[in-house]
Amino acid sequence: MNSLEQAEDLKAFERRLTEYIACLQPATGRWRMILIVVSVCTATGAWNWLIDPETQKVSFFTSLWNHPFFTISCITLIGLFFAGIHKRVVAPSISPMSNRSGRIHVL
């Protein structure tokens, strides 16, 4: 394979990669919104949980039972990460532009 064929193959690969990443953008936007909403809910619930004076007086599990919003949002956030939301959010951030060494950059 000569260098001209290699260059054409590389351009075709980059075009296909760009098309694939463009197809992921709408789904990625939804996953990012879900992650943002659940993260804000968890942070808000954590704040309310931490400023509650009863939290210091009762056991850990009782305090979680007394704050179901925080407990549910925290479990949801952990579940989303176990389900791979971090991969779905980061996947389209791959840049198809490669440097001289031929590596793909992650933004």
PDB file of N, CA and C in Angstrom:
ATOM      1  N   MET A   1       0.849  -1.169   0.000  1.00  0.00           N
ATOM      2  CA  MET A   1       0.000   0.000   0.000  1.00  0.00           C
ATOM      3  C   MET A   1       0.901   1.241   0.000  1.00  0.00           C
ATOM      4  N   ASN A   2       0.722   2.076  -0.976  1.00  0.00           N
ATOM      5  CA  ASN A   2       1.562   3.278  -1.028  1.00  0.00           C
ATOM      6  C   ASN A   2       0.988   4.381  -0.141  1.00  0.00           C
ATOM      7  N   SER A   3       1.728   5.457  -0.026  1.00  0.00           N
ATOM      8  CA  SER A   3       1.332   6.526   0.899  1.00  0.00           C
ATOM      9  C   SER A   3       0.061   7.236   0.452  1.00  0.00           C
ATOM     10  N   LEU A   4      -0.196   7.300  -0.843  1.00  0.00           N
ATOM     11  CA  LEU A   4      -1.428   7.933  -1.329  1.00  0.00           C
ATOM     12  C   LEU A   4      -2.654   7.129  -0.899  1.00  0.00           C
ATOM     13  N   GLU A   5      -2.574   5.802  -1.013  1.00  0.00           N
ATOM     14  CA  GLU A   5      -3.683   4.955  -0.591  1.00  0.00           C
ATOM     15  C   GLU A   5      -3.883   5.041   0.924  1.00  0.00           C
ATOM     16  N   GLN A   6      -2.785   5.105   1.652  1.00  0.00           N
ATOM     17  CA  GLN A   6      -2.878   5.226   3.102  1.00  0.00           C
ATOM     18  C   GLN A   6      -3.540   6.541   3.498  1.00  0.00           C
ATOM     19  N   ALA A   7      -3.195   7.608   2.819  1.00  0.00           N
ATOM     20  CA  ALA A   7      -3.793   8.913   3.105  1.00  0.00           C
ATOM     21  C   ALA A   7      -5.289   8.894   2.814  1.00  0.00           C
ATOM     22  N   GLU A   8      -5.675   8.260   1.712  1.00  0.00           N
ATOM     23  CA  GLU A   8      -7.097   8.177   1.369  1.00  0.00           C
ATOM     24  C   GLU A   8      -7.849   7.322   2.385  1.00  0.00           C
ATOM     25  N   ASP A   9      -7.231   6.235   2.820  1.00  0.00           N
ATOM     26  CA  ASP A   9      -7.860   5.392   3.841  1.00  0.00           C
ATOM     27  C   ASP A   9      -8.034   6.152   5.152  1.00  0.00           C
ATOM     28  N   LEU A  10      -7.028   6.924   5.511  1.00  0.00           N
ATOM     29  CA  LEU A  10      -7.109   7.709   6.732  1.00  0.00           C
ATOM     30  C   LEU A  10      -8.207   8.766   6.633  1.00  0.00           C
ATOM     31  N   LYS A  11      -8.307   9.416   5.491  1.00  0.00           N
ATOM     32  CA  LYS A  11      -9.368  10.416   5.306  1.00  0.00           C
ATOM     33  C   LYS A  11     -10.748   9.762   5.370  1.00  0.00           C
ATOM     34  N   ALA A  12     -10.885   8.587   4.756  1.00  0.00           N
ATOM     35  CA  ALA A  12     -12.168   7.879   4.790  1.00  0.00           C
ATOM     36  C   ALA A  12     -12.511   7.481   6.232  1.00  0.00           C
ATOM     37  N   PHE A  13     -11.504   7.018   6.965  1.00  0.00           N
ATOM     38  CA  PHE A  13     -11.722   6.653   8.360  1.00  0.00           C
ATOM     39  C   PHE A  13     -12.147   7.870   9.171  1.00  0.00           C
ATOM     40  N   GLU A  14     -11.492   9.003   8.995  1.00  0.00           N
ATOM     41  CA  GLU A  14     -11.840  10.215   9.734  1.00  0.00           C
ATOM     42  C   GLU A  14     -13.235  10.705   9.373  1.00  0.00           C
ATOM     43  N   ARG A  15     -13.621  10.602   8.096  1.00  0.00           N
ATOM     44  CA  ARG A  15     -14.977  10.985   7.682  1.00  0.00           C
ATOM     45  C   ARG A  15     -16.013  10.103   8.367  1.00  0.00           C
ATOM     46  N   ARG A  16     -15.760   8.795   8.368  1.00  0.00           N
ATOM     47  CA  ARG A  16     -16.706   7.865   8.979  1.00  0.00           C
ATOM     48  C   ARG A  16     -16.792   8.094  10.494  1.00  0.00           C
ATOM     49  N   LEU A  17     -15.659   8.348  11.127  1.00  0.00           N
ATOM     50  CA  LEU A  17     -15.643   8.622  12.560  1.00  0.00           C
ATOM     51  C   LEU A  17     -16.408   9.907  12.876  1.00  0.00           C
ATOM     52  N   THR A  18     -16.240  10.918  12.050  1.00  0.00           N
ATOM     53  CA  THR A  18     -16.960  12.182  12.236  1.00  0.00           C
ATOM     54  C   THR A  18     -18.463  11.965  12.085  1.00  0.00           C
ATOM     55  N   GLU A  19     -18.883  11.165  11.113  1.00  0.00           N
ATOM     56  CA  GLU A  19     -20.304  10.859  10.927  1.00  0.00           C
ATOM     57  C   GLU A  19     -20.858  10.117  12.142  1.00  0.00           C
ATOM     58  N   TYR A  20     -20.087   9.167  12.637  1.00  0.00           N
ATOM     59  CA  TYR A  20     -20.534   8.387  13.784  1.00  0.00           C
ATOM     60  C   TYR A  20     -20.695   9.271  15.023  1.00  0.00           C
ATOM     61  N   ILE A  21     -19.730  10.150  15.251  1.00  0.00           N
ATOM     62  CA  ILE A  21     -19.790  11.053  16.405  1.00  0.00           C
ATOM     63  C   ILE A  21     -20.971  12.012  16.263  1.00  0.00           C
ATOM     64  N   ALA A  22     -21.234  12.481  15.042  1.00  0.00           N
ATOM     65  CA  ALA A  22     -22.365  13.377  14.816  1.00  0.00           C
ATOM     66  C   ALA A  22     -23.690  12.677  15.130  1.00  0.00           C
ATOM     67  N   CYS A  23     -23.766  11.366  14.858  1.00  0.00           N
ATOM     68  CA  CYS A  23     -24.984  10.618  15.169  1.00  0.00           C
ATOM     69  C   CYS A  23     -25.185  10.454  16.673  1.00  0.00           C
ATOM     70  N   LEU A  24     -24.105  10.476  17.439  1.00  0.00           N
ATOM     71  CA  LEU A  24     -24.205  10.318  18.888  1.00  0.00           C
ATOM     72  C   LEU A  24     -24.634  11.591  19.604  1.00  0.00           C
ATOM     73  N   GLN A  25     -24.498  12.742  18.969  1.00  0.00           N
ATOM     74  CA  GLN A  25     -24.730  14.015  19.646  1.00  0.00           C
ATOM     75  C   GLN A  25     -26.116  14.150  20.277  1.00  0.00           C
ATOM     76  N   PRO A  26     -27.233  13.825  19.589  1.00  0.00           N
ATOM     77  CA  PRO A  26     -28.543  14.010  20.242  1.00  0.00           C
ATOM     78  C   PRO A  26     -28.705  13.149  21.499  1.00  0.00           C
ATOM     79  N   ALA A  27     -28.301  11.895  21.425  1.00  0.00           N
ATOM     80  CA  ALA A  27     -28.427  11.017  22.589  1.00  0.00           C
ATOM     81  C   ALA A  27     -27.517  11.478  23.719  1.00  0.00           C
ATOM     82  N   THR A  28     -26.350  11.963  23.363  1.00  0.00           N
ATOM     83  CA  THR A  28     -25.414  12.441  24.372  1.00  0.00           C
ATOM     84  C   THR A  28     -25.983  13.640  25.113  1.00  0.00           C
ATOM     85  N   GLY A  29     -26.662  14.525  24.393  1.00  0.00           N
ATOM     86  CA  GLY A  29     -27.285  15.688  25.031  1.00  0.00           C
ATOM     87  C   GLY A  29     -28.318  15.274  26.067  1.00  0.00           C
ATOM     88  N   ARG A  30     -29.101  14.253  25.743  1.00  0.00           N
ATOM     89  CA  ARG A  30     -30.100  13.765  26.704  1.00  0.00           C
ATOM     90  C   ARG A  30     -29.425  13.159  27.931  1.00  0.00           C
ATOM     91  N   TRP A  31     -28.384  12.358  27.710  1.00  0.00           N
ATOM     92  CA  TRP A  31     -27.680  11.749  28.836  1.00  0.00           C
ATOM     93  C   TRP A  31     -27.011  12.809  29.700  1.00  0.00           C
ATOM     94  N   ARG A  32     -26.475  13.853  29.074  1.00  0.00           N
ATOM     95  CA  ARG A  32     -25.857  14.933  29.849  1.00  0.00           C
ATOM     96  C   ARG A  32     -26.899  15.646  30.700  1.00  0.00           C
ATOM     97  N   MET A  33     -28.072  15.889  30.143  1.00  0.00           N
ATOM     98  CA  MET A  33     -29.137  16.540  30.910  1.00  0.00           C
ATOM     99  C   MET A  33     -29.570  15.677  32.086  1.00  0.00           C
ATOM    100  N   ILE A  34     -29.704  14.368  31.851  1.00  0.00           N
ATOM    101  CA  ILE A  34     -30.072  13.452  32.931  1.00  0.00           C
ATOM    102  C   ILE A  34     -29.016  13.492  34.031  1.00  0.00           C
ATOM    103  N   LEU A  35     -27.750  13.449  33.619  1.00  0.00           N
ATOM    104  CA  LEU A  35     -26.662  13.478  34.599  1.00  0.00           C
ATOM    105  C   LEU A  35     -26.650  14.791  35.383  1.00  0.00           C
ATOM    106  N   ILE A  36     -26.884  15.893  34.706  1.00  0.00           N
ATOM    107  CA  ILE A  36     -26.914  17.197  35.380  1.00  0.00           C
ATOM    108  C   ILE A  36     -28.071  17.264  36.377  1.00  0.00           C
ATOM    109  N   VAL A  37     -29.255  16.840  35.960  1.00  0.00           N
ATOM    110  CA  VAL A  37     -30.429  16.908  36.839  1.00  0.00           C
ATOM    111  C   VAL A  37     -30.231  16.031  38.076  1.00  0.00           C
ATOM    112  N   VAL A  38     -29.764  14.802  37.870  1.00  0.00           N
ATOM    113  CA  VAL A  38     -29.574  13.899  39.010  1.00  0.00           C
ATOM    114  C   VAL A  38     -28.454  14.412  39.915  1.00  0.00           C
ATOM    115  N   SER A  39     -27.408  14.983  39.330  1.00  0.00           N
ATOM    116  CA  SER A  39     -26.318  15.535  40.148  1.00  0.00           C
ATOM    117  C   SER A  39     -26.789  16.715  40.989  1.00  0.00           C
ATOM    118  N   VAL A  40     -27.587  17.599  40.395  1.00  0.00           N
ATOM    119  CA  VAL A  40     -28.116  18.747  41.145  1.00  0.00           C
ATOM    120  C   VAL A  40     -29.068  18.274  42.246  1.00  0.00           C
ATOM    121  N   CYS A  41     -29.889  17.280  41.940  1.00  0.00           N
ATOM    122  CA  CYS A  41     -30.782  16.733  42.973  1.00  0.00           C
ATOM    123  C   CYS A  41     -29.984  16.121  44.113  1.00  0.00           C
ATOM    124  N   THR A  42     -28.930  15.390  43.776  1.00  0.00           N
ATOM    125  CA  THR A  42     -28.098  14.787  44.815  1.00  0.00           C
ATOM    126  C   THR A  42     -27.409  15.854  45.650  1.00  0.00           C
ATOM    127  N   ALA A  43     -26.883  16.897  45.002  1.00  0.00           N
ATOM    128  CA  ALA A  43     -26.216  17.972  45.743  1.00  0.00           C
ATOM    129  C   ALA A  43     -27.198  18.714  46.646  1.00  0.00           C
ATOM    130  N   THR A  44     -28.388  18.983  46.142  1.00  0.00           N
ATOM    131  CA  THR A  44     -29.409  19.662  46.951  1.00  0.00           C
ATOM    132  C   THR A  44     -29.826  18.797  48.134  1.00  0.00           C
ATOM    133  N   GLY A  45     -30.058  17.526  47.862  1.00  0.00           N
ATOM    134  CA  GLY A  45     -30.419  16.603  48.943  1.00  0.00           C
ATOM    135  C   GLY A  45     -29.313  16.472  49.971  1.00  0.00           C
ATOM    136  N   ALA A  46     -28.057  16.448  49.500  1.00  0.00           N
ATOM    137  CA  ALA A  46     -26.921  16.347  50.424  1.00  0.00           C
ATOM    138  C   ALA A  46     -26.841  17.586  51.309  1.00  0.00           C
ATOM    139  N   TRP A  47     -27.078  18.745  50.715  1.00  0.00           N
ATOM    140  CA  TRP A  47     -27.042  19.988  51.499  1.00  0.00           C
ATOM    141  C   TRP A  47     -28.113  19.958  52.594  1.00  0.00           C
ATOM    142  N   ASN A  48     -29.322  19.578  52.207  1.00  0.00           N
ATOM    143  CA  ASN A  48     -30.411  19.508  53.197  1.00  0.00           C
ATOM    144  C   ASN A  48     -30.125  18.457  54.259  1.00  0.00           C
ATOM    145  N   TRP A  49     -29.519  17.371  53.858  1.00  0.00           N
ATOM    146  CA  TRP A  49     -29.164  16.301  54.789  1.00  0.00           C
ATOM    147  C   TRP A  49     -28.104  16.775  55.782  1.00  0.00           C
ATOM    148  N   LEU A  50     -27.126  17.514  55.267  1.00  0.00           N
ATOM    149  CA  LEU A  50     -26.028  17.963  56.129  1.00  0.00           C
ATOM    150  C   LEU A  50     -26.423  19.081  57.090  1.00  0.00           C
ATOM    151  N   ILE A  51     -27.335  19.964  56.677  1.00  0.00           N
ATOM    152  CA  ILE A  51     -27.707  21.072  57.561  1.00  0.00           C
ATOM    153  C   ILE A  51     -28.803  20.697  58.551  1.00  0.00           C
ATOM    154  N   ASP A  52     -29.369  19.518  58.419  1.00  0.00           N
ATOM    155  CA  ASP A  52     -30.412  19.074  59.350  1.00  0.00           C
ATOM    156  C   ASP A  52     -29.777  18.756  60.709  1.00  0.00           C
ATOM    157  N   PRO A  53     -30.230  19.392  61.775  1.00  0.00           N
ATOM    158  CA  PRO A  53     -29.640  19.125  63.089  1.00  0.00           C
ATOM    159  C   PRO A  53     -29.895  17.697  63.585  1.00  0.00           C
ATOM    160  N   GLU A  54     -30.940  17.072  63.093  1.00  0.00           N
ATOM    161  CA  GLU A  54     -31.250  15.697  63.515  1.00  0.00           C
ATOM    162  C   GLU A  54     -30.229  14.696  62.968  1.00  0.00           C
ATOM    163  N   THR A  55     -29.533  15.053  61.894  1.00  0.00           N
ATOM    164  CA  THR A  55     -28.575  14.136  61.277  1.00  0.00           C
ATOM    165  C   THR A  55     -27.476  13.746  62.257  1.00  0.00           C
ATOM    166  N   GLN A  56     -27.056  14.673  63.089  1.00  0.00           N
ATOM    167  CA  GLN A  56     -25.983  14.397  64.048  1.00  0.00           C
ATOM    168  C   GLN A  56     -26.464  13.572  65.240  1.00  0.00           C
ATOM    169  N   LYS A  57     -27.759  13.581  65.484  1.00  0.00           N
ATOM    170  CA  LYS A  57     -28.291  12.924  66.685  1.00  0.00           C
ATOM    171  C   LYS A  57     -28.723  11.480  66.450  1.00  0.00           C
ATOM    172  N   VAL A  58     -28.961  11.125  65.208  1.00  0.00           N
ATOM    173  CA  VAL A  58     -29.467   9.777  64.910  1.00  0.00           C
ATOM    174  C   VAL A  58     -28.397   8.987  64.168  1.00  0.00           C
ATOM    175  N   SER A  59     -28.648   7.694  63.996  1.00  0.00           N
ATOM    176  CA  SER A  59     -27.680   6.854  63.287  1.00  0.00           C
ATOM    177  C   SER A  59     -27.674   7.195  61.796  1.00  0.00           C
ATOM    178  N   PHE A  60     -26.650   6.719  61.117  1.00  0.00           N
ATOM    179  CA  PHE A  60     -26.481   7.000  59.694  1.00  0.00           C
ATOM    180  C   PHE A  60     -27.682   6.531  58.879  1.00  0.00           C
ATOM    181  N   PHE A  61     -28.108   5.294  59.093  1.00  0.00           N
ATOM    182  CA  PHE A  61     -29.225   4.755  58.316  1.00  0.00           C
ATOM    183  C   PHE A  61     -30.544   5.438  58.659  1.00  0.00           C
ATOM    184  N   THR A  62     -30.710   5.837  59.887  1.00  0.00           N
ATOM    185  CA  THR A  62     -31.918   6.580  60.267  1.00  0.00           C
ATOM    186  C   THR A  62     -31.932   7.952  59.591  1.00  0.00           C
ATOM    187  N   SER A  63     -30.766   8.593  59.523  1.00  0.00           N
ATOM    188  CA  SER A  63     -30.706   9.900  58.861  1.00  0.00           C
ATOM    189  C   SER A  63     -30.991   9.767  57.369  1.00  0.00           C
ATOM    190  N   LEU A  64     -30.514   8.677  56.757  1.00  0.00           N
ATOM    191  CA  LEU A  64     -30.857   8.445  55.341  1.00  0.00           C
ATOM    192  C   LEU A  64     -32.350   8.180  55.183  1.00  0.00           C
ATOM    193  N   TRP A  65     -32.935   7.465  56.117  1.00  0.00           N
ATOM    194  CA  TRP A  65     -34.374   7.176  56.078  1.00  0.00           C
ATOM    195  C   TRP A  65     -35.182   8.465  56.239  1.00  0.00           C
ATOM    196  N   ASN A  66     -34.656   9.400  57.006  1.00  0.00           N
ATOM    197  CA  ASN A  66     -35.349  10.673  57.226  1.00  0.00           C
ATOM    198  C   ASN A  66     -35.225  11.616  56.029  1.00  0.00           C
ATOM    199  N   HIS A  67     -34.320  11.334  55.112  1.00  0.00           N
ATOM    200  CA  HIS A  67     -34.104  12.184  53.936  1.00  0.00           C
ATOM    201  C   HIS A  67     -34.210  11.346  52.660  1.00  0.00           C
ATOM    202  N   PRO A  68     -35.443  10.976  52.301  1.00  0.00           N
ATOM    203  CA  PRO A  68     -35.614  10.088  51.134  1.00  0.00           C
ATOM    204  C   PRO A  68     -35.203  10.737  49.808  1.00  0.00           C
ATOM    205  N   PHE A  69     -35.338  12.058  49.694  1.00  0.00           N
ATOM    206  CA  PHE A  69     -34.948  12.731  48.442  1.00  0.00           C
ATOM    207  C   PHE A  69     -33.460  12.531  48.167  1.00  0.00           C
ATOM    208  N   PHE A  70     -32.636  12.747  49.192  1.00  0.00           N
ATOM    209  CA  PHE A  70     -31.197  12.550  49.047  1.00  0.00           C
ATOM    210  C   PHE A  70     -30.878  11.074  48.796  1.00  0.00           C
ATOM    211  N   THR A  71     -31.506  10.199  49.537  1.00  0.00           N
ATOM    212  CA  THR A  71     -31.224   8.768  49.410  1.00  0.00           C
ATOM    213  C   THR A  71     -31.555   8.268  48.015  1.00  0.00           C
ATOM    214  N   ILE A  72     -32.727   8.632  47.509  1.00  0.00           N
ATOM    215  CA  ILE A  72     -33.143   8.159  46.183  1.00  0.00           C
ATOM    216  C   ILE A  72     -32.274   8.768  45.085  1.00  0.00           C
ATOM    217  N   SER A  73     -31.983  10.056  45.191  1.00  0.00           N
ATOM    218  CA  SER A  73     -31.160  10.679  44.151  1.00  0.00           C
ATOM    219  C   SER A  73     -29.732  10.153  44.178  1.00  0.00           C
ATOM    220  N   CYS A  74     -29.216   9.853  45.348  1.00  0.00           N
ATOM    221  CA  CYS A  74     -27.866   9.301  45.454  1.00  0.00           C
ATOM    222  C   CYS A  74     -27.820   7.884  44.871  1.00  0.00           C
ATOM    223  N   ILE A  75     -28.808   7.072  45.192  1.00  0.00           N
ATOM    224  CA  ILE A  75     -28.878   5.713  44.625  1.00  0.00           C
ATOM    225  C   ILE A  75     -29.033   5.782  43.110  1.00  0.00           C
ATOM    226  N   THR A  76     -29.828   6.729  42.625  1.00  0.00           N
ATOM    227  CA  THR A  76     -30.006   6.897  41.182  1.00  0.00           C
ATOM    228  C   THR A  76     -28.692   7.290  40.515  1.00  0.00           C
ATOM    229  N   LEU A  77     -27.968   8.207  41.110  1.00  0.00           N
ATOM    230  CA  LEU A  77     -26.684   8.633  40.552  1.00  0.00           C
ATOM    231  C   LEU A  77     -25.686   7.474  40.510  1.00  0.00           C
ATOM    232  N   ILE A  78     -25.613   6.714  41.574  1.00  0.00           N
ATOM    233  CA  ILE A  78     -24.717   5.557  41.602  1.00  0.00           C
ATOM    234  C   ILE A  78     -25.146   4.537  40.546  1.00  0.00           C
ATOM    235  N   GLY A  79     -26.457   4.316  40.429  1.00  0.00           N
ATOM    236  CA  GLY A  79     -26.965   3.388  39.416  1.00  0.00           C
ATOM    237  C   GLY A  79     -26.638   3.836  37.996  1.00  0.00           C
ATOM    238  N   LEU A  80     -26.741   5.133  37.739  1.00  0.00           N
ATOM    239  CA  LEU A  80     -26.406   5.651  36.416  1.00  0.00           C
ATOM    240  C   LEU A  80     -24.937   5.425  36.093  1.00  0.00           C
ATOM    241  N   PHE A  81     -24.054   5.605  37.056  1.00  0.00           N
ATOM    242  CA  PHE A  81     -22.639   5.360  36.807  1.00  0.00           C
ATOM    243  C   PHE A  81     -22.353   3.879  36.598  1.00  0.00           C
ATOM    244  N   PHE A  82     -23.040   3.005  37.348  1.00  0.00           N
ATOM    245  CA  PHE A  82     -22.873   1.575  37.108  1.00  0.00           C
ATOM    246  C   PHE A  82     -23.427   1.175  35.743  1.00  0.00           C
ATOM    247  N   ALA A  83     -24.443   1.889  35.270  1.00  0.00           N
ATOM    248  CA  ALA A  83     -25.020   1.603  33.953  1.00  0.00           C
ATOM    249  C   ALA A  83     -24.162   2.152  32.815  1.00  0.00           C
ATOM    250  N   GLY A  84     -23.160   2.968  33.135  1.00  0.00           N
ATOM    251  CA  GLY A  84     -22.237   3.452  32.110  1.00  0.00           C
ATOM    252  C   GLY A  84     -22.557   4.827  31.559  1.00  0.00           C
ATOM    253  N   ILE A  85     -23.222   5.671  32.327  1.00  0.00           N
ATOM    254  CA  ILE A  85     -23.548   7.003  31.822  1.00  0.00           C
ATOM    255  C   ILE A  85     -22.286   7.804  31.523  1.00  0.00           C
ATOM    256  N   HIS A  86     -21.222   7.562  32.266  1.00  0.00           N
ATOM    257  CA  HIS A  86     -19.981   8.299  32.032  1.00  0.00           C
ATOM    258  C   HIS A  86     -19.427   8.001  30.643  1.00  0.00           C
ATOM    259  N   LYS A  87     -19.617   6.791  30.153  1.00  0.00           N
ATOM    260  CA  LYS A  87     -19.160   6.452  28.800  1.00  0.00           C
ATOM    261  C   LYS A  87     -20.050   7.114  27.747  1.00  0.00           C
ATOM    262  N   ARG A  88     -21.340   7.179  28.009  1.00  0.00           N
ATOM    263  CA  ARG A  88     -22.266   7.769  27.047  1.00  0.00           C
ATOM    264  C   ARG A  88     -22.091   9.279  26.943  1.00  0.00           C
ATOM    265  N   VAL A  89     -21.665   9.897  28.021  1.00  0.00           N
ATOM    266  CA  VAL A  89     -21.477  11.351  28.027  1.00  0.00           C
ATOM    267  C   VAL A  89     -20.151  11.729  27.379  1.00  0.00           C
ATOM    268  N   VAL A  90     -19.116  10.921  27.581  1.00  0.00           N
ATOM    269  CA  VAL A  90     -17.779  11.255  27.103  1.00  0.00           C
ATOM    270  C   VAL A  90     -17.515  10.758  25.684  1.00  0.00           C
ATOM    271  N   ALA A  91     -18.208   9.743  25.223  1.00  0.00           N
ATOM    272  CA  ALA A  91     -17.921   9.120  23.922  1.00  0.00           C
ATOM    273  C   ALA A  91     -17.855  10.103  22.758  1.00  0.00           C
ATOM    274  N   PRO A  92     -18.779  11.036  22.606  1.00  0.00           N
ATOM    275  CA  PRO A  92     -18.704  11.943  21.466  1.00  0.00           C
ATOM    276  C   PRO A  92     -17.633  13.023  21.602  1.00  0.00           C
ATOM    277  N   SER A  93     -16.946  13.080  22.716  1.00  0.00           N
ATOM    278  CA  SER A  93     -15.902  14.080  22.885  1.00  0.00           C
ATOM    279  C   SER A  93     -14.598  13.668  22.212  1.00  0.00           C
ATOM    280  N   ILE A  94     -14.616  12.532  21.563  1.00  0.00           N
ATOM    281  CA  ILE A  94     -13.420  12.081  20.853  1.00  0.00           C
ATOM    282  C   ILE A  94     -13.291  12.907  19.588  1.00  0.00           C
ATOM    283  N   SER A  95     -12.155  13.495  19.404  1.00  0.00           N
ATOM    284  CA  SER A  95     -11.910  14.305  18.212  1.00  0.00           C
ATOM    285  C   SER A  95     -11.331  13.424  17.116  1.00  0.00           C
ATOM    286  N   PRO A  96     -11.915  13.442  15.933  1.00  0.00           N
ATOM    287  CA  PRO A  96     -11.390  12.617  14.844  1.00  0.00           C
ATOM    288  C   PRO A  96     -10.099  13.171  14.253  1.00  0.00           C
ATOM    289  N   MET A  97      -9.742  14.357  14.643  1.00  0.00           N
ATOM    290  CA  MET A  97      -8.504  14.925  14.118  1.00  0.00           C
ATOM    291  C   MET A  97      -7.326  14.264  14.810  1.00  0.00           C
ATOM    292  N   SER A  98      -6.442  13.729  14.032  1.00  0.00           N
ATOM    293  CA  SER A  98      -5.301  13.056  14.636  1.00  0.00           C
ATOM    294  C   SER A  98      -4.053  13.899  14.417  1.00  0.00           C
ATOM    295  N   ASN A  99      -3.126  13.736  15.318  1.00  0.00           N
ATOM    296  CA  ASN A  99      -1.883  14.483  15.167  1.00  0.00           C
ATOM    297  C   ASN A  99      -0.917  13.689  14.292  1.00  0.00           C
ATOM    298  N   ARG A 100       0.282  14.112  14.199  1.00  0.00           N
ATOM    299  CA  ARG A 100       1.251  13.478  13.310  1.00  0.00           C
ATOM    300  C   ARG A 100       1.571  12.043  13.702  1.00  0.00           C
ATOM    301  N   SER A 101       1.411  11.708  14.963  1.00  0.00           N
ATOM    302  CA  SER A 101       1.718  10.350  15.377  1.00  0.00           C
ATOM    303  C   SER A 101       0.554   9.399  15.120  1.00  0.00           C
ATOM    304  N   GLY A 102      -0.606   9.931  14.710  1.00  0.00           N
ATOM    305  CA  GLY A 102      -1.737   9.093  14.358  1.00  0.00           C
ATOM    306  C   GLY A 102      -2.650   8.765  15.534  1.00  0.00           C
ATOM    307  N   ARG A 103      -2.439   9.392  16.691  1.00  0.00           N
ATOM    308  CA  ARG A 103      -3.296   9.135  17.837  1.00  0.00           C
ATOM    309  C   ARG A 103      -4.533  10.027  17.778  1.00  0.00           C
ATOM    310  N   ILE A 104      -5.608   9.524  18.344  1.00  0.00           N
ATOM    311  CA  ILE A 104      -6.858  10.278  18.401  1.00  0.00           C
ATOM    312  C   ILE A 104      -6.879  11.037  19.734  1.00  0.00           C
ATOM    313  N   HIS A 105      -7.275  12.294  19.688  1.00  0.00           N
ATOM    314  CA  HIS A 105      -7.315  13.123  20.891  1.00  0.00           C
ATOM    315  C   HIS A 105      -8.680  13.043  21.539  1.00  0.00           C
ATOM    316  N   VAL A 106      -8.693  13.046  22.851  1.00  0.00           N
ATOM    317  CA  VAL A 106      -9.928  13.164  23.600  1.00  0.00           C
ATOM    318  C   VAL A 106      -9.993  14.575  24.138  1.00  0.00           C
ATOM    319  N   LEU A 107     -11.099  15.265  23.873  1.00  0.00           N
ATOM    320  CA  LEU A 107     -11.256  16.658  24.306  1.00  0.00           C
ATOM    321  C   LEU A 107     -11.594  16.738  25.764  1.00  0.00           C
TER     322      LEU A 107
END
